[in-house]
Each structure stands twice: as C-alpha cells, then as structure tokens.
C-alpha cells in the first residue's frame, strides 16, 4: 500500500542515520557530516560553503522539518511551558497582517508639509 511513497523517502529515516552509531532517532538532529556554521565562514570561503549545500526540494523539506522539531522540543515539549509560543504566534500574525496592508498604510505617513 505504501510502496510508492518509499520511492521518495517519505516516512523513512535519513540515509545518513545509523541506529548502532547514533542511538535512538531524533527528528531535530542532522545526521550528515558536520560543516562549519555560517557565522564562522569567511567571505572568501562563502561560495565554497554554498557549493556544499543541497538545494534539492527534499533537502529543503528535511531542513524545515528539523527546524520545526527543534522549535517543538524547545517551546512545546517541555515540562514547565511558558507563553512564548503564543507570543511568537501573535508577533507572526501581526507582521503578516502589516505586510498585507502595507500598500494602503504607506500613504498615511505624517508629514510636516502637505
């Protein structure tokens, strides 16, 4: 029934994950070869750093999934939670609403001379 999805790698572990080496699977962890963080890359090394990145849609999807699970572990799956996720949602909705109405709001600037 699910054979056609296994072709795309949906629902499977990443190819770099080895259970005997890494232990229990953590969806927020990258199991590939570690690379230098972007903050430590020198300007002359930047093209080579981007060349080592995969911009395939599956790789981008996996990166977004890891980011989602890191956020879940940090803010949602905690013993004593705070209002941080709610505040993040409110700020995101406010910013999105501002971007949607910016075209009509930009004409309402306060000016000294009309």
PDB file of N, CA and C in Angstrom:
ATOM      1  N   UNK A   1       0.821  -1.191   0.000  1.00  0.00           N
ATOM      2  CA  UNK A   1       0.000   0.000   0.000  1.00  0.00           C
ATOM      3  C   UNK A   1       0.869   1.260   0.000  1.00  0.00           C
ATOM      4  N   UNK A   2       1.968   1.281   0.744  1.00  0.00           N
ATOM      5  CA  UNK A   2       2.810   2.470   0.839  1.00  0.00           C
ATOM      6  C   UNK A   2       4.105   2.338   0.048  1.00  0.00           C
ATOM      7  N   UNK A   3       4.178   1.400  -0.890  1.00  0.00           N
ATOM      8  CA  UNK A   3       5.408   1.204  -1.638  1.00  0.00           C
ATOM      9  C   UNK A   3       5.765   2.411  -2.483  1.00  0.00           C
ATOM     10  N   UNK A   4       4.773   3.105  -3.033  1.00  0.00           N
ATOM     11  CA  UNK A   4       5.076   4.230  -3.915  1.00  0.00           C
ATOM     12  C   UNK A   4       5.670   5.412  -3.152  1.00  0.00           C
ATOM     13  N   UNK A   5       5.365   5.547  -1.857  1.00  0.00           N
ATOM     14  CA  UNK A   5       5.931   6.641  -1.085  1.00  0.00           C
ATOM     15  C   UNK A   5       7.371   6.364  -0.677  1.00  0.00           C
ATOM     16  N   UNK A   6       7.746   5.095  -0.553  1.00  0.00           N
ATOM     17  CA  UNK A   6       9.114   4.787  -0.164  1.00  0.00           C
ATOM     18  C   UNK A   6      10.101   5.184  -1.257  1.00  0.00           C
ATOM     19  N   UNK A   7       9.631   5.323  -2.486  1.00  0.00           N
ATOM     20  CA  UNK A   7      10.499   5.776  -3.566  1.00  0.00           C
ATOM     21  C   UNK A   7      11.001   7.191  -3.301  1.00  0.00           C
ATOM     22  N   UNK A   8      10.157   8.037  -2.729  1.00  0.00           N
ATOM     23  CA  UNK A   8      10.519   9.426  -2.447  1.00  0.00           C
ATOM     24  C   UNK A   8      11.184   9.593  -1.088  1.00  0.00           C
ATOM     25  N   UNK A   9      11.239   8.566  -0.279  1.00  0.00           N
ATOM     26  CA  UNK A   9      11.850   8.662   1.034  1.00  0.00           C
ATOM     27  C   UNK A   9      10.919   9.200   2.094  1.00  0.00           C
ATOM     28  N   UNK A  10       9.631   9.247   1.803  1.00  0.00           N
ATOM     29  CA  UNK A  10       8.665   9.759   2.775  1.00  0.00           C
ATOM     30  C   UNK A  10       8.416   8.689   3.830  1.00  0.00           C
ATOM     31  N   UNK A  11       8.534   9.052   5.083  1.00  0.00           N
ATOM     32  CA  UNK A  11       8.295   8.133   6.173  1.00  0.00           C
ATOM     33  C   UNK A  11       9.479   7.252   6.504  1.00  0.00           C
ATOM     34  N   UNK A  12      10.629   7.524   5.924  1.00  0.00           N
ATOM     35  CA  UNK A  12      11.824   6.732   6.201  1.00  0.00           C
ATOM     36  C   UNK A  12      12.844   7.589   6.942  1.00  0.00           C
ATOM     37  N   UNK A  13      13.809   6.914   7.562  1.00  0.00           N
ATOM     38  CA  UNK A  13      14.893   7.623   8.225  1.00  0.00           C
ATOM     39  C   UNK A  13      15.807   8.250   7.177  1.00  0.00           C
ATOM     40  N   UNK A  14      16.541   9.301   7.550  1.00  0.00           N
ATOM     41  CA  UNK A  14      17.507   9.868   6.601  1.00  0.00           C
ATOM     42  C   UNK A  14      18.569   8.828   6.246  1.00  0.00           C
ATOM     43  N   UNK A  15      19.134   8.907   5.042  1.00  0.00           N
ATOM     44  CA  UNK A  15      20.127   7.906   4.652  1.00  0.00           C
ATOM     45  C   UNK A  15      21.380   7.926   5.524  1.00  0.00           C
ATOM     46  N   UNK A  16      21.690   9.050   6.176  1.00  0.00           N
ATOM     47  CA  UNK A  16      22.904   9.153   7.000  1.00  0.00           C
ATOM     48  C   UNK A  16      22.734   8.530   8.378  1.00  0.00           C
ATOM     49  N   UNK A  17      21.500   8.259   8.777  1.00  0.00           N
ATOM     50  CA  UNK A  17      21.228   7.748  10.118  1.00  0.00           C
ATOM     51  C   UNK A  17      21.585   6.268  10.209  1.00  0.00           C
ATOM     52  N   UNK A  18      22.401   5.916  11.212  1.00  0.00           N
ATOM     53  CA  UNK A  18      22.766   4.525  11.501  1.00  0.00           C
ATOM     54  C   UNK A  18      22.407   4.277  12.962  1.00  0.00           C
ATOM     55  N   UNK A  19      21.493   3.352  13.195  1.00  0.00           N
ATOM     56  CA  UNK A  19      20.977   3.135  14.544  1.00  0.00           C
ATOM     57  C   UNK A  19      22.058   2.708  15.532  1.00  0.00           C
ATOM     58  N   UNK A  20      22.974   1.860  15.111  1.00  0.00           N
ATOM     59  CA  UNK A  20      24.013   1.376  16.024  1.00  0.00           C
ATOM     60  C   UNK A  20      24.999   2.474  16.405  1.00  0.00           C
ATOM     61  N   UNK A  21      25.158   3.464  15.541  1.00  0.00           N
ATOM     62  CA  UNK A  21      26.097   4.549  15.811  1.00  0.00           C
ATOM     63  C   UNK A  21      25.423   5.691  16.557  1.00  0.00           C
ATOM     64  N   UNK A  22      24.230   6.096  16.097  1.00  0.00           N
ATOM     65  CA  UNK A  22      23.578   7.296  16.620  1.00  0.00           C
ATOM     66  C   UNK A  22      22.598   7.041  17.751  1.00  0.00           C
ATOM     67  N   UNK A  23      22.180   5.810  17.949  1.00  0.00           N
ATOM     68  CA  UNK A  23      21.223   5.531  19.008  1.00  0.00           C
ATOM     69  C   UNK A  23      19.807   5.845  18.565  1.00  0.00           C
ATOM     70  N   UNK A  24      18.929   6.191  19.522  1.00  0.00           N
ATOM     71  CA  UNK A  24      17.540   6.477  19.154  1.00  0.00           C
ATOM     72  C   UNK A  24      17.454   7.662  18.193  1.00  0.00           C
ATOM     73  N   UNK A  25      16.499   7.592  17.295  1.00  0.00           N
ATOM     74  CA  UNK A  25      16.346   8.627  16.276  1.00  0.00           C
ATOM     75  C   UNK A  25      15.782   9.907  16.873  1.00  0.00           C
ATOM     76  N   UNK A  26      16.374  11.025  16.517  1.00  0.00           N
ATOM     77  CA  UNK A  26      15.922  12.344  16.946  1.00  0.00           C
ATOM     78  C   UNK A  26      15.603  13.150  15.690  1.00  0.00           C
ATOM     79  N   UNK A  27      14.324  13.513  15.453  1.00  0.00           N
ATOM     80  CA  UNK A  27      13.987  14.214  14.218  1.00  0.00           C
ATOM     81  C   UNK A  27      14.543  15.630  14.132  1.00  0.00           C
ATOM     82  N   UNK A  28      15.043  16.187  15.225  1.00  0.00           N
ATOM     83  CA  UNK A  28      15.569  17.550  15.196  1.00  0.00           C
ATOM     84  C   UNK A  28      17.070  17.596  14.941  1.00  0.00           C
ATOM     85  N   UNK A  29      17.703  16.452  14.759  1.00  0.00           N
ATOM     86  CA  UNK A  29      19.158  16.394  14.601  1.00  0.00           C
ATOM     87  C   UNK A  29      19.531  16.105  13.154  1.00  0.00           C
ATOM     88  N   UNK A  30      20.601  16.747  12.689  1.00  0.00           N
ATOM     89  CA  UNK A  30      21.140  16.476  11.364  1.00  0.00           C
ATOM     90  C   UNK A  30      22.187  15.382  11.495  1.00  0.00           C
ATOM     91  N   UNK A  31      22.025  14.285  10.773  1.00  0.00           N
ATOM     92  CA  UNK A  31      22.909  13.135  10.898  1.00  0.00           C
ATOM     93  C   UNK A  31      23.998  13.106   9.840  1.00  0.00           C
ATOM     94  N   UNK A  32      24.064  14.100   8.983  1.00  0.00           N
ATOM     95  CA  UNK A  32      25.099  14.143   7.962  1.00  0.00           C
ATOM     96  C   UNK A  32      26.428  14.607   8.524  1.00  0.00           C
ATOM     97  N   UNK A  33      27.379  14.789   7.624  1.00  0.00           N
ATOM     98  CA  UNK A  33      28.710  15.233   8.025  1.00  0.00           C
ATOM     99  C   UNK A  33      28.622  16.683   8.515  1.00  0.00           C
ATOM    100  N   UNK A  34      29.126  16.990   9.720  1.00  0.00           N
ATOM    101  CA  UNK A  34      29.040  18.362  10.222  1.00  0.00           C
ATOM    102  C   UNK A  34      29.903  19.306   9.393  1.00  0.00           C
ATOM    103  N   UNK A  35      29.410  20.512   9.205  1.00  0.00           N
ATOM    104  CA  UNK A  35      30.117  21.524   8.443  1.00  0.00           C
ATOM    105  C   UNK A  35      30.226  22.780   9.300  1.00  0.00           C
ATOM    106  N   UNK A  36      31.015  23.722   8.827  1.00  0.00           N
ATOM    107  CA  UNK A  36      31.233  24.969   9.543  1.00  0.00           C
ATOM    108  C   UNK A  36      29.933  25.800   9.563  1.00  0.00           C
ATOM    109  N   UNK A  37      29.552  26.371  10.711  1.00  0.00           N
ATOM    110  CA  UNK A  37      28.367  27.228  10.752  1.00  0.00           C
ATOM    111  C   UNK A  37      28.556  28.476   9.889  1.00  0.00           C
ATOM    112  N   UNK A  38      27.457  29.023   9.400  1.00  0.00           N
ATOM    113  CA  UNK A  38      27.509  30.183   8.519  1.00  0.00           C
ATOM    114  C   UNK A  38      28.172  31.379   9.202  1.00  0.00           C
ATOM    115  N   UNK A  39      28.004  31.524  10.497  1.00  0.00           N
ATOM    116  CA  UNK A  39      28.582  32.658  11.222  1.00  0.00           C
ATOM    117  C   UNK A  39      30.106  32.602  11.258  1.00  0.00           C
ATOM    118  N   UNK A  40      30.698  31.438  11.049  1.00  0.00           N
ATOM    119  CA  UNK A  40      32.151  31.303  11.103  1.00  0.00           C
ATOM    120  C   UNK A  40      32.807  31.271   9.721  1.00  0.00           C
ATOM    121  N   UNK A  41      32.012  31.390   8.669  1.00  0.00           N
ATOM    122  CA  UNK A  41      32.543  31.324   7.308  1.00  0.00           C
ATOM    123  C   UNK A  41      33.118  32.680   6.930  1.00  0.00           C
ATOM    124  N   UNK A  42      34.333  32.667   6.383  1.00  0.00           N
ATOM    125  CA  UNK A  42      34.944  33.907   5.890  1.00  0.00           C
ATOM    126  C   UNK A  42      34.347  34.248   4.534  1.00  0.00           C
ATOM    127  N   UNK A  43      34.435  35.507   4.155  1.00  0.00           N
ATOM    128  CA  UNK A  43      33.821  35.964   2.920  1.00  0.00           C
ATOM    129  C   UNK A  43      34.407  35.252   1.697  1.00  0.00           C
ATOM    130  N   UNK A  44      35.694  34.956   1.717  1.00  0.00           N
ATOM    131  CA  UNK A  44      36.312  34.275   0.576  1.00  0.00           C
ATOM    132  C   UNK A  44      35.878  32.808   0.491  1.00  0.00           C
ATOM    133  N   UNK A  45      35.438  32.217   1.601  1.00  0.00           N
ATOM    134  CA  UNK A  45      35.014  30.819   1.627  1.00  0.00           C
ATOM    135  C   UNK A  45      33.516  30.655   1.382  1.00  0.00           C
ATOM    136  N   UNK A  46      32.790  31.754   1.236  1.00  0.00           N
ATOM    137  CA  UNK A  46      31.337  31.698   1.111  1.00  0.00           C
ATOM    138  C   UNK A  46      30.863  30.933  -0.126  1.00  0.00           C
ATOM    139  N   UNK A  47      31.437  31.139  -1.338  1.00  0.00           N
ATOM    140  CA  UNK A  47      30.966  30.353  -2.488  1.00  0.00           C
ATOM    141  C   UNK A  47      31.173  28.848  -2.302  1.00  0.00           C
ATOM    142  N   UNK A  48      32.297  28.454  -1.725  1.00  0.00           N
ATOM    143  CA  UNK A  48      32.530  27.025  -1.488  1.00  0.00           C
ATOM    144  C   UNK A  48      31.547  26.487  -0.452  1.00  0.00           C
ATOM    145  N   UNK A  49      31.224  27.286   0.548  1.00  0.00           N
ATOM    146  CA  UNK A  49      30.275  26.853   1.582  1.00  0.00           C
ATOM    147  C   UNK A  49      28.899  26.625   0.970  1.00  0.00           C
ATOM    148  N   UNK A  50      28.448  27.559   0.100  1.00  0.00           N
ATOM    149  CA  UNK A  50      27.158  27.383  -0.569  1.00  0.00           C
ATOM    150  C   UNK A  50      27.203  26.221  -1.546  1.00  0.00           C
ATOM    151  N   UNK A  51      28.363  25.944  -2.131  1.00  0.00           N
ATOM    152  CA  UNK A  51      28.501  24.819  -3.042  1.00  0.00           C
ATOM    153  C   UNK A  51      28.331  23.476  -2.352  1.00  0.00           C
ATOM    154  N   UNK A  52      28.603  23.406  -1.066  1.00  0.00           N
ATOM    155  CA  UNK A  52      28.429  22.165  -0.310  1.00  0.00           C
ATOM    156  C   UNK A  52      26.989  21.955   0.148  1.00  0.00           C
ATOM    157  N   UNK A  53      26.131  22.914  -0.050  1.00  0.00           N
ATOM    158  CA  UNK A  53      24.732  22.804   0.349  1.00  0.00           C
ATOM    159  C   UNK A  53      23.920  22.132  -0.751  1.00  0.00           C
ATOM    160  N   UNK A  54      22.891  21.419  -0.354  1.00  0.00           N
ATOM    161  CA  UNK A  54      21.970  20.803  -1.302  1.00  0.00           C
ATOM    162  C   UNK A  54      20.692  21.640  -1.337  1.00  0.00           C
ATOM    163  N   UNK A  55      20.339  22.096  -2.531  1.00  0.00           N
ATOM    164  CA  UNK A  55      19.123  22.892  -2.690  1.00  0.00           C
ATOM    165  C   UNK A  55      18.010  22.078  -3.347  1.00  0.00           C
ATOM    166  N   UNK A  56      18.093  20.772  -3.210  1.00  0.00           N
ATOM    167  CA  UNK A  56      17.056  19.886  -3.718  1.00  0.00           C
ATOM    168  C   UNK A  56      15.804  20.079  -2.859  1.00  0.00           C
ATOM    169  N   UNK A  57      14.615  19.984  -3.444  1.00  0.00           N
ATOM    170  CA  UNK A  57      13.394  20.176  -2.641  1.00  0.00           C
ATOM    171  C   UNK A  57      13.288  19.230  -1.446  1.00  0.00           C
ATOM    172  N   UNK A  58      13.775  18.000  -1.583  1.00  0.00           N
ATOM    173  CA  UNK A  58      13.727  17.077  -0.445  1.00  0.00           C
ATOM    174  C   UNK A  58      14.658  17.538   0.669  1.00  0.00           C
ATOM    175  N   UNK A  59      15.834  18.047   0.312  1.00  0.00           N
ATOM    176  CA  UNK A  59      16.777  18.531   1.323  1.00  0.00           C
ATOM    177  C   UNK A  59      16.215  19.752   2.036  1.00  0.00           C
ATOM    178  N   UNK A  60      15.563  20.632   1.301  1.00  0.00           N
ATOM    179  CA  UNK A  60      14.945  21.811   1.918  1.00  0.00           C
ATOM    180  C   UNK A  60      13.820  21.383   2.847  1.00  0.00           C
ATOM    181  N   UNK A  61      13.021  20.412   2.421  1.00  0.00           N
ATOM    182  CA  UNK A  61      11.947  19.891   3.269  1.00  0.00           C
ATOM    183  C   UNK A  61      12.471  19.263   4.547  1.00  0.00           C
ATOM    184  N   UNK A  62      13.574  18.515   4.434  1.00  0.00           N
ATOM    185  CA  UNK A  62      14.167  17.912   5.631  1.00  0.00           C
ATOM    186  C   UNK A  62      14.699  18.979   6.575  1.00  0.00           C
ATOM    187  N   UNK A  63      15.297  20.035   6.025  1.00  0.00           N
ATOM    188  CA  UNK A  63      15.808  21.120   6.867  1.00  0.00           C
ATOM    189  C   UNK A  63      14.662  21.835   7.582  1.00  0.00           C
ATOM    190  N   UNK A  64      13.564  22.080   6.888  1.00  0.00           N
ATOM    191  CA  UNK A  64      12.407  22.710   7.527  1.00  0.00           C
ATOM    192  C   UNK A  64      11.811  21.801   8.596  1.00  0.00           C
ATOM    193  N   UNK A  65      11.798  20.510   8.350  1.00  0.00           N
ATOM    194  CA  UNK A  65      11.293  19.573   9.342  1.00  0.00           C
ATOM    195  C   UNK A  65      12.169  19.565  10.588  1.00  0.00           C
ATOM    196  N   UNK A  66      13.491  19.586  10.394  1.00  0.00           N
ATOM    197  CA  UNK A  66      14.392  19.638  11.556  1.00  0.00           C
ATOM    198  C   UNK A  66      14.185  20.915  12.351  1.00  0.00           C
ATOM    199  N   UNK A  67      13.995  22.046  11.665  1.00  0.00           N
ATOM    200  CA  UNK A  67      13.758  23.312  12.360  1.00  0.00           C
ATOM    201  C   UNK A  67      12.448  23.261  13.146  1.00  0.00           C
ATOM    202  N   UNK A  68      11.418  22.672  12.550  1.00  0.00           N
ATOM    203  CA  UNK A  68      10.136  22.539  13.241  1.00  0.00           C
ATOM    204  C   UNK A  68      10.276  21.692  14.513  1.00  0.00           C
ATOM    205  N   UNK A  69      10.997  20.568  14.407  1.00  0.00           N
ATOM    206  CA  UNK A  69      11.139  19.708  15.566  1.00  0.00           C
ATOM    207  C   UNK A  69      12.029  20.330  16.627  1.00  0.00           C
ATOM    208  N   UNK A  70      13.020  21.145  16.227  1.00  0.00           N
ATOM    209  CA  UNK A  70      13.826  21.869  17.218  1.00  0.00           C
ATOM    210  C   UNK A  70      12.955  22.864  17.972  1.00  0.00           C
ATOM    211  N   UNK A  71      12.067  23.564  17.248  1.00  0.00           N
ATOM    212  CA  UNK A  71      11.166  24.515  17.880  1.00  0.00           C
ATOM    213  C   UNK A  71      10.207  23.783  18.821  1.00  0.00           C
ATOM    214  N   UNK A  72       9.684  22.646  18.373  1.00  0.00           N
ATOM    215  CA  UNK A  72       8.785  21.863  19.219  1.00  0.00           C
ATOM    216  C   UNK A  72       9.470  21.437  20.521  1.00  0.00           C
ATOM    217  N   UNK A  73      10.704  20.964  20.409  1.00  0.00           N
ATOM    218  CA  UNK A  73      11.427  20.494  21.592  1.00  0.00           C
ATOM    219  C   UNK A  73      11.736  21.645  22.544  1.00  0.00           C
ATOM    220  N   UNK A  74      12.029  22.834  21.993  1.00  0.00           N
ATOM    221  CA  UNK A  74      12.417  23.955  22.837  1.00  0.00           C
ATOM    222  C   UNK A  74      11.223  24.630  23.516  1.00  0.00           C
ATOM    223  N   UNK A  75      10.085  24.741  22.823  1.00  0.00           N
ATOM    224  CA  UNK A  75       8.972  25.516  23.364  1.00  0.00           C
ATOM    225  C   UNK A  75       7.725  24.710  23.717  1.00  0.00           C
ATOM    226  N   UNK A  76       7.464  23.610  23.066  1.00  0.00           N
ATOM    227  CA  UNK A  76       6.208  22.894  23.263  1.00  0.00           C
ATOM    228  C   UNK A  76       6.383  21.664  24.151  1.00  0.00           C
ATOM    229  N   UNK A  77       7.366  20.833  23.866  1.00  0.00           N
ATOM    230  CA  UNK A  77       7.540  19.577  24.601  1.00  0.00           C
ATOM    231  C   UNK A  77       8.439  19.780  25.822  1.00  0.00           C
ATOM    232  N   UNK A  78       8.020  20.670  26.695  1.00  0.00           N
ATOM    233  CA  UNK A  78       8.786  20.950  27.911  1.00  0.00           C
ATOM    234  C   UNK A  78       7.900  20.656  29.116  1.00  0.00           C
ATOM    235  N   UNK A  79       8.530  20.493  30.242  1.00  0.00           N
ATOM    236  CA  UNK A  79       7.767  20.194  31.445  1.00  0.00           C
ATOM    237  C   UNK A  79       7.005  21.417  31.935  1.00  0.00           C
ATOM    238  N   UNK A  80       7.694  22.541  32.028  1.00  0.00           N
ATOM    239  CA  UNK A  80       7.062  23.775  32.503  1.00  0.00           C
ATOM    240  C   UNK A  80       7.092  24.793  31.373  1.00  0.00           C
ATOM    241  N   UNK A  81       6.022  24.868  30.619  1.00  0.00           N
ATOM    242  CA  UNK A  81       5.961  25.751  29.465  1.00  0.00           C
ATOM    243  C   UNK A  81       5.653  27.188  29.856  1.00  0.00           C
ATOM    244  N   UNK A  82       5.897  28.081  28.917  1.00  0.00           N
ATOM    245  CA  UNK A  82       5.611  29.497  29.109  1.00  0.00           C
ATOM    246  C   UNK A  82       4.680  29.948  27.988  1.00  0.00           C
ATOM    247  N   UNK A  83       4.456  31.254  27.930  1.00  0.00           N
ATOM    248  CA  UNK A  83       3.594  31.823  26.893  1.00  0.00           C
ATOM    249  C   UNK A  83       4.380  32.178  25.639  1.00  0.00           C
ATOM    250  N   UNK A  84       5.625  31.743  25.532  1.00  0.00           N
ATOM    251  CA  UNK A  84       6.464  32.104  24.388  1.00  0.00           C
ATOM    252  C   UNK A  84       5.863  31.667  23.048  1.00  0.00           C
ATOM    253  N   UNK A  85       5.328  30.438  22.892  1.00  0.00           N
ATOM    254  CA  UNK A  85       4.762  30.074  21.593  1.00  0.00           C
ATOM    255  C   UNK A  85       3.572  30.943  21.205  1.00  0.00           C
ATOM    256  N   UNK A  86       2.748  31.306  22.186  1.00  0.00           N
ATOM    257  CA  UNK A  86       1.608  32.173  21.907  1.00  0.00           C
ATOM    258  C   UNK A  86       2.081  33.552  21.465  1.00  0.00           C
ATOM    259  N   UNK A  87       3.079  34.084  22.145  1.00  0.00           N
ATOM    260  CA  UNK A  87       3.617  35.393  21.766  1.00  0.00           C
ATOM    261  C   UNK A  87       4.276  35.348  20.383  1.00  0.00           C
ATOM    262  N   UNK A  88       4.960  34.260  20.065  1.00  0.00           N
ATOM    263  CA  UNK A  88       5.550  34.117  18.738  1.00  0.00           C
ATOM    264  C   UNK A  88       4.464  34.103  17.669  1.00  0.00           C
ATOM    265  N   UNK A  89       3.372  33.423  17.949  1.00  0.00           N
ATOM    266  CA  UNK A  89       2.258  33.379  17.002  1.00  0.00           C
ATOM    267  C   UNK A  89       1.643  34.761  16.812  1.00  0.00           C
ATOM    268  N   UNK A  90       1.452  35.493  17.898  1.00  0.00           N
ATOM    269  CA  UNK A  90       0.862  36.836  17.817  1.00  0.00           C
ATOM    270  C   UNK A  90       1.762  37.776  17.019  1.00  0.00           C
ATOM    271  N   UNK A  91       3.067  37.717  17.260  1.00  0.00           N
ATOM    272  CA  UNK A  91       4.007  38.569  16.512  1.00  0.00           C
ATOM    273  C   UNK A  91       4.011  38.191  15.038  1.00  0.00           C
ATOM    274  N   UNK A  92       3.975  36.897  14.718  1.00  0.00           N
ATOM    275  CA  UNK A  92       3.970  36.458  13.326  1.00  0.00           C
ATOM    276  C   UNK A  92       2.698  36.899  12.611  1.00  0.00           C
ATOM    277  N   UNK A  93       1.551  36.779  13.267  1.00  0.00           N
ATOM    278  CA  UNK A  93       0.290  37.206  12.655  1.00  0.00           C
ATOM    279  C   UNK A  93       0.270  38.718  12.475  1.00  0.00           C
ATOM    280  N   UNK A  94       0.787  39.465  13.439  1.00  0.00           N
ATOM    281  CA  UNK A  94       0.841  40.915  13.325  1.00  0.00           C
ATOM    282  C   UNK A  94       1.743  41.348  12.169  1.00  0.00           C
ATOM    283  N   UNK A  95       2.913  40.726  12.047  1.00  0.00           N
ATOM    284  CA  UNK A  95       3.826  41.070  10.959  1.00  0.00           C
ATOM    285  C   UNK A  95       3.210  40.723   9.608  1.00  0.00           C
ATOM    286  N   UNK A  96       2.555  39.568   9.517  1.00  0.00           N
ATOM    287  CA  UNK A  96       1.924  39.168   8.263  1.00  0.00           C
ATOM    288  C   UNK A  96       0.784  40.126   7.910  1.00  0.00           C
ATOM    289  N   UNK A  97       0.004  40.536   8.891  1.00  0.00           N
ATOM    290  CA  UNK A  97      -1.093  41.488   8.655  1.00  0.00           C
ATOM    291  C   UNK A  97      -0.549  42.840   8.205  1.00  0.00           C
ATOM    292  N   UNK A  98       0.555  43.277   8.808  1.00  0.00           N
ATOM    293  CA  UNK A  98       1.166  44.539   8.408  1.00  0.00           C
ATOM    294  C   UNK A  98       1.661  44.470   6.972  1.00  0.00           C
ATOM    295  N   UNK A  99       2.269  43.341   6.590  1.00  0.00           N
ATOM    296  CA  UNK A  99       2.749  43.198   5.220  1.00  0.00           C
ATOM    297  C   UNK A  99       1.601  43.194   4.216  1.00  0.00           C
ATOM    298  N   UNK A 100       0.473  42.603   4.601  1.00  0.00           N
ATOM    299  CA  UNK A 100      -0.678  42.581   3.699  1.00  0.00           C
ATOM    300  C   UNK A 100      -1.287  43.968   3.512  1.00  0.00           C
ATOM    301  N   UNK A 101      -1.273  44.810   4.549  1.00  0.00           N
ATOM    302  CA  UNK A 101      -1.905  46.126   4.474  1.00  0.00           C
ATOM    303  C   UNK A 101      -0.912  47.253   4.253  1.00  0.00           C
ATOM    304  N   UNK A 102       0.358  46.927   3.997  1.00  0.00           N
ATOM    305  CA  UNK A 102       1.388  47.962   3.861  1.00  0.00           C
ATOM    306  C   UNK A 102       1.097  48.899   2.697  1.00  0.00           C
ATOM    307  N   UNK A 103       0.572  48.398   1.613  1.00  0.00           N
ATOM    308  CA  UNK A 103       0.327  49.226   0.436  1.00  0.00           C
ATOM    309  C   UNK A 103      -0.650  50.361   0.749  1.00  0.00           C
ATOM    310  N   UNK A 104      -1.648  50.100   1.572  1.00  0.00           N
ATOM    311  CA  UNK A 104      -2.593  51.160   1.930  1.00  0.00           C
ATOM    312  C   UNK A 104      -2.093  51.998   3.106  1.00  0.00           C
ATOM    313  N   UNK A 105      -1.220  51.444   3.951  1.00  0.00           N
ATOM    314  CA  UNK A 105      -0.737  52.183   5.112  1.00  0.00           C
ATOM    315  C   UNK A 105       0.407  53.139   4.781  1.00  0.00           C
ATOM    316  N   UNK A 106       1.140  52.883   3.730  1.00  0.00           N
ATOM    317  CA  UNK A 106       2.317  53.716   3.448  1.00  0.00           C
ATOM    318  C   UNK A 106       1.949  55.135   3.054  1.00  0.00           C
ATOM    319  N   UNK A 107       0.696  55.378   2.663  1.00  0.00           N
ATOM    320  CA  UNK A 107       0.269  56.724   2.291  1.00  0.00           C
ATOM    321  C   UNK A 107      -0.162  57.547   3.495  1.00  0.00           C
ATOM    322  N   UNK A 108      -0.189  56.967   4.679  1.00  0.00           N
ATOM    323  CA  UNK A 108      -0.625  57.645   5.881  1.00  0.00           C
ATOM    324  C   UNK A 108       0.552  58.162   6.697  1.00  0.00           C
ATOM    325  N   UNK A 109       1.648  58.463   6.060  1.00  0.00           N
ATOM    326  CA  UNK A 109       2.826  58.990   6.761  1.00  0.00           C
ATOM    327  C   UNK A 109       2.527  60.383   7.285  1.00  0.00           C
ATOM    328  N   UNK A 110       3.072  60.691   8.438  1.00  0.00           N
ATOM    329  CA  UNK A 110       2.936  62.034   8.975  1.00  0.00           C
ATOM    330  C   UNK A 110       3.991  62.919   8.335  1.00  0.00           C
ATOM    331  N   UNK A 111       3.548  64.008   7.744  1.00  0.00           N
ATOM    332  CA  UNK A 111       4.471  64.907   7.056  1.00  0.00           C
ATOM    333  C   UNK A 111       4.280  66.317   7.612  1.00  0.00           C
ATOM    334  N   UNK A 112       5.362  67.071   7.652  1.00  0.00           N
ATOM    335  CA  UNK A 112       5.299  68.430   8.169  1.00  0.00           C
ATOM    336  C   UNK A 112       4.591  69.345   7.164  1.00  0.00           C
ATOM    337  N   UNK A 113       4.891  69.148   5.881  1.00  0.00           N
ATOM    338  CA  UNK A 113       4.276  69.972   4.841  1.00  0.00           C
ATOM    339  C   UNK A 113       3.461  69.089   3.922  1.00  0.00           C
ATOM    340  N   UNK A 114       2.290  69.573   3.557  1.00  0.00           N
ATOM    341  CA  UNK A 114       1.411  68.777   2.702  1.00  0.00           C
ATOM    342  C   UNK A 114       1.531  69.198   1.278  1.00  0.00           C
TER     343      UNK A 114
END
